[in-house]
């Protein structure tokens, strides 16, 4: 039973071809592109308004030189949000439950912000490793601790979103299995369990949105530390 339960996190295949590529292409299908016409439809108007709102909120804590990152950060948030929400639909696959994919997004973005700071302001970036006024005896261990803390940031980004989404999907799987087992023997208890499942789905919906926002917000904070 455990094998069946965890099989939902394995990449589904059709004739030996991983179907995760279809999930990666879903945003292209779901989000329409603007047409050259002067008057667009309501869907495009709402989509543009939401994207502009997300971009403004992301750029608030970042200085003006970092605003050139607005397109990359906004696109990353929309992609993560789309994958997280698609995973809640029946018979779908959530790419963001794979640690390899999350680390593949977190490590390059974090490394880019770090290299950006080392190139533009190396003194300020290195000063983050040692708090001001540190006693002489504490300098070596503090530098070591801060370096480990710096290097663990991308791992924390990837593990956070993977653990939260995986835990939620496992709970949904367990409660759904309990509902099916109790449906014919204890229908009243099965109905109560179904209410719990509905509440859990609502919570998982909020978690899917929050995790996408937290992932990009932490990247924006790392960017802010490494720009002038």
Protein backbone atom coordinates (compact mmCIF):
# COMPACT_ATOMS: atom_id res chain seq x y z
CA UNK A 1 0.00 0.00 0.00
CA UNK A 2 2.86 2.36 0.74
CA UNK A 3 4.28 1.73 -2.72
CA UNK A 4 0.93 2.57 -4.31
CA UNK A 5 0.60 5.70 -2.16
CA UNK A 6 4.02 7.05 -3.16
CA UNK A 7 3.56 6.13 -6.80
CA UNK A 8 1.65 9.40 -7.25
CA UNK A 9 4.99 11.24 -7.02
CA UNK A 10 6.66 9.22 -9.76
CA UNK A 11 6.71 10.65 -13.26
CA UNK A 12 3.89 9.07 -15.31
CA UNK A 13 4.85 7.68 -18.69
CA UNK A 14 3.04 6.92 -21.93
CA UNK A 15 4.79 4.48 -24.25
CA UNK A 16 8.06 5.19 -22.44
CA UNK A 17 7.76 8.99 -22.84
CA UNK A 18 7.60 11.00 -19.55
CA UNK A 19 4.38 12.99 -19.38
CA UNK A 20 6.05 15.67 -17.24
CA UNK A 21 6.85 17.50 -20.48
CA UNK A 22 3.11 18.00 -21.01
CA UNK A 23 2.88 19.51 -17.53
CA UNK A 24 5.76 21.85 -18.32
CA UNK A 25 3.93 23.01 -21.45
CA UNK A 26 0.62 23.63 -19.66
CA UNK A 27 1.25 27.35 -18.94
CA UNK A 28 1.64 27.97 -22.68
CA UNK A 29 -1.79 26.42 -23.23
CA UNK A 30 -3.53 27.97 -20.23
CA UNK A 31 -2.37 31.58 -20.53
CA UNK A 32 -3.40 33.27 -23.78
CA UNK A 33 -1.10 35.76 -25.48
CA UNK A 34 -2.03 39.26 -26.48
CA UNK A 35 -3.29 39.88 -29.97
CA UNK A 36 -2.35 42.90 -32.09
CA UNK A 37 -5.92 44.17 -31.87
CA UNK A 38 -6.56 47.34 -29.88
CA UNK A 39 -9.46 45.79 -27.98
CA UNK A 40 -8.76 42.57 -26.09
CA UNK A 41 -11.17 40.24 -24.33
CA UNK A 42 -11.94 40.13 -20.61
CA UNK A 43 -9.66 37.16 -19.94
CA UNK A 44 -6.61 38.99 -21.30
CA UNK A 45 -7.52 42.12 -19.34
CA UNK A 46 -7.83 40.23 -16.04
CA UNK A 47 -4.62 38.32 -16.77
CA UNK A 48 -2.66 41.52 -17.48
CA UNK A 49 -4.04 43.17 -14.34
CA UNK A 50 -3.03 40.24 -12.14
CA UNK A 51 0.45 40.01 -13.65
CA UNK A 52 1.02 43.74 -13.14
CA UNK A 53 -0.18 43.46 -9.53
CA UNK A 54 2.15 40.52 -8.82
CA UNK A 55 5.09 42.35 -10.40
CA UNK A 56 4.50 45.49 -8.34
CA UNK A 57 4.32 43.52 -5.10
CA UNK A 58 7.52 41.64 -5.92
CA UNK A 59 9.46 44.79 -6.78
CA UNK A 60 8.44 46.74 -3.65
CA UNK A 61 11.32 45.53 -1.39
CA UNK A 62 13.91 45.68 -4.20
CA UNK A 63 15.97 48.73 -5.15
CA UNK A 64 15.65 50.21 -8.62
CA UNK A 65 18.69 48.40 -10.14
CA UNK A 66 17.01 45.09 -9.30
CA UNK A 67 13.83 45.92 -11.22
CA UNK A 68 15.36 44.41 -14.36
CA UNK A 69 14.68 41.06 -12.65
CA UNK A 70 10.94 41.69 -12.65
CA UNK A 71 10.18 39.56 -15.72
CA UNK A 72 12.22 36.58 -14.47
CA UNK A 73 10.73 36.62 -10.97
CA UNK A 74 7.16 37.14 -12.17
CA UNK A 75 7.48 34.36 -14.74
CA UNK A 76 8.91 32.03 -12.09
CA UNK A 77 6.04 32.75 -9.69
CA UNK A 78 3.38 32.17 -12.36
CA UNK A 79 5.06 28.91 -13.40
CA UNK A 80 5.27 27.59 -9.83
CA UNK A 81 1.72 28.69 -9.08
CA UNK A 82 0.42 26.94 -12.21
CA UNK A 83 2.24 23.67 -11.45
CA UNK A 84 1.13 23.67 -7.80
CA UNK A 85 -2.52 24.24 -8.67
CA UNK A 86 -2.54 21.77 -11.56
CA UNK A 87 -1.35 19.06 -9.17
CA UNK A 88 -4.59 19.32 -7.21
CA UNK A 89 -6.67 18.18 -10.17
CA UNK A 90 -7.53 14.47 -10.53
CA UNK A 91 -5.25 12.29 -12.67
CA UNK A 92 -2.56 14.95 -12.90
CA UNK A 93 1.10 15.13 -11.95
CA UNK A 94 2.76 17.86 -9.85
CA UNK A 95 6.31 18.58 -11.10
CA UNK A 96 7.05 20.69 -8.00
CA UNK A 97 6.85 17.61 -5.76
CA UNK A 98 10.13 16.51 -7.34
CA UNK A 99 13.15 17.74 -5.37
CA UNK A 100 15.32 17.60 -8.47
CA UNK A 101 13.14 20.12 -10.28
CA UNK A 102 12.92 22.49 -7.31
CA UNK A 103 16.67 22.40 -6.75
CA UNK A 104 17.14 22.92 -10.47
CA UNK A 105 15.19 26.16 -10.12
CA UNK A 106 16.59 27.29 -6.76
CA UNK A 107 20.33 26.71 -7.22
CA UNK A 108 20.82 28.67 -10.49
CA UNK A 109 18.69 31.60 -9.30
CA UNK A 110 20.45 31.77 -5.92
CA UNK A 111 23.87 31.43 -7.54
CA UNK A 112 23.06 34.24 -9.95
CA UNK A 113 22.17 36.61 -7.12
CA UNK A 114 25.35 35.64 -5.27
CA UNK A 115 27.61 36.15 -8.30
CA UNK A 116 25.85 39.44 -9.01
CA UNK A 117 26.72 40.70 -5.54
CA UNK A 118 30.32 39.45 -5.78
CA UNK A 119 30.76 41.29 -9.06
CA UNK A 120 29.05 44.60 -8.22
CA UNK A 121 29.81 44.99 -4.50
CA UNK A 122 32.26 42.30 -3.30
CA UNK A 123 33.10 44.11 -0.05
CA UNK A 124 29.46 44.43 1.02
CA UNK A 125 28.66 40.85 0.03
CA UNK A 126 31.59 39.45 2.00
CA UNK A 127 30.72 41.69 4.96
CA UNK A 128 27.51 39.68 5.42
CA UNK A 129 29.65 36.76 6.59
CA UNK A 130 30.91 38.65 9.65
CA UNK A 131 28.68 40.86 11.87
CA UNK A 132 30.16 44.18 12.92
CA UNK A 133 31.80 44.28 16.36
CA UNK A 134 32.48 40.53 16.57
CA UNK A 135 35.20 39.57 19.12
CA UNK A 136 38.43 38.26 17.63
CA UNK A 137 37.99 34.74 19.03
CA UNK A 138 34.56 34.35 17.48
CA UNK A 139 35.53 35.46 13.97
CA UNK A 140 36.54 32.00 12.55
CA UNK A 141 33.49 30.06 13.81
CA UNK A 142 31.10 32.87 12.83
CA UNK A 143 32.50 33.01 9.30
CA UNK A 144 32.11 29.24 9.03
CA UNK A 145 28.53 29.33 10.33
CA UNK A 146 27.51 32.20 8.03
CA UNK A 147 29.11 30.45 5.05
CA UNK A 148 27.16 27.27 5.77
CA UNK A 149 24.00 29.33 6.20
CA UNK A 150 24.65 30.99 2.84
CA UNK A 151 25.27 27.71 1.03
CA UNK A 152 22.21 26.02 2.52
CA UNK A 153 19.81 28.66 1.19
CA UNK A 154 19.04 26.99 -2.17
CA UNK A 155 18.62 23.62 -0.47
CA UNK A 156 16.13 25.17 1.96
CA UNK A 157 14.23 26.73 -0.95
CA UNK A 158 13.89 23.43 -2.78
CA UNK A 159 13.18 21.26 0.26
CA UNK A 160 10.56 23.66 1.63
CA UNK A 161 8.27 23.59 -1.37
CA UNK A 162 8.84 19.85 -1.94
CA UNK A 163 8.08 18.88 1.66
CA UNK A 164 4.95 21.02 1.95
CA UNK A 165 3.40 19.83 -1.30
CA UNK A 166 4.36 16.19 -0.73
CA UNK A 167 2.90 16.17 2.79
CA UNK A 168 -0.36 17.67 1.59
CA UNK A 169 -0.71 15.19 -1.27
CA UNK A 170 0.00 12.26 1.05
CA UNK A 171 -2.69 13.40 3.50
CA UNK A 172 -5.19 13.75 0.66
CA UNK A 173 -4.29 10.26 -0.56
CA UNK A 174 -4.66 8.73 2.92
CA UNK A 175 -8.01 10.40 3.64
CA UNK A 176 -9.36 9.48 0.19
CA UNK A 177 -8.40 5.86 0.78
CA UNK A 178 -10.17 5.94 4.16
CA UNK A 179 -13.33 7.35 2.55
CA UNK A 180 -13.41 4.54 -0.01
CA UNK A 181 -12.85 1.91 2.69
CA UNK A 182 -15.61 3.27 4.97
CA UNK A 183 -18.16 4.10 2.26
CA UNK A 184 -20.07 0.80 2.45
CA UNK A 185 -19.43 -0.20 6.07
CA UNK A 186 -19.72 3.12 7.95
CA UNK A 187 -21.37 5.67 5.62
CA UNK A 188 -21.83 8.27 8.38
CA UNK A 189 -18.16 8.20 9.30
CA UNK A 190 -17.29 8.26 5.63
CA UNK A 191 -19.35 11.44 5.20
CA UNK A 192 -17.56 13.11 8.11
CA UNK A 193 -14.23 12.09 6.64
CA UNK A 194 -15.29 13.60 3.33
CA UNK A 195 -15.87 16.94 5.07
CA UNK A 196 -12.34 16.73 6.49
CA UNK A 197 -11.08 16.00 2.97
CA UNK A 198 -12.85 19.09 1.64
CA UNK A 199 -11.26 21.25 4.34
CA UNK A 200 -7.88 19.70 3.60
CA UNK A 201 -8.27 20.45 -0.10
CA UNK A 202 -8.99 24.08 0.77
CA UNK A 203 -5.88 24.18 2.96
CA UNK A 204 -3.79 22.55 0.23
CA UNK A 205 -5.04 25.13 -2.24
CA UNK A 206 -3.78 27.88 0.06
CA UNK A 207 -0.48 26.03 0.58
CA UNK A 208 0.04 25.75 -3.19
CA UNK A 209 -0.38 29.51 -3.59
CA UNK A 210 1.67 30.44 -0.52
CA UNK A 211 4.61 28.19 -1.38
CA UNK A 212 4.96 29.73 -4.84
CA UNK A 213 4.89 33.22 -3.32
CA UNK A 214 7.38 32.35 -0.55
CA UNK A 215 9.81 30.77 -3.03
CA UNK A 216 9.97 33.90 -5.20
CA UNK A 217 9.88 36.34 -2.27
CA UNK A 218 12.92 34.69 -0.68
CA UNK A 219 14.74 34.92 -4.00
CA UNK A 220 13.86 38.61 -4.18
CA UNK A 221 15.28 39.12 -0.67
CA UNK A 222 18.50 37.36 -1.70
CA UNK A 223 18.62 39.66 -4.73
CA UNK A 224 18.13 42.73 -2.55
CA UNK A 225 21.11 41.76 -0.42
CA UNK A 226 23.39 41.67 -3.46
CA UNK A 227 22.46 44.81 -5.37
CA UNK A 228 23.33 48.43 -4.68
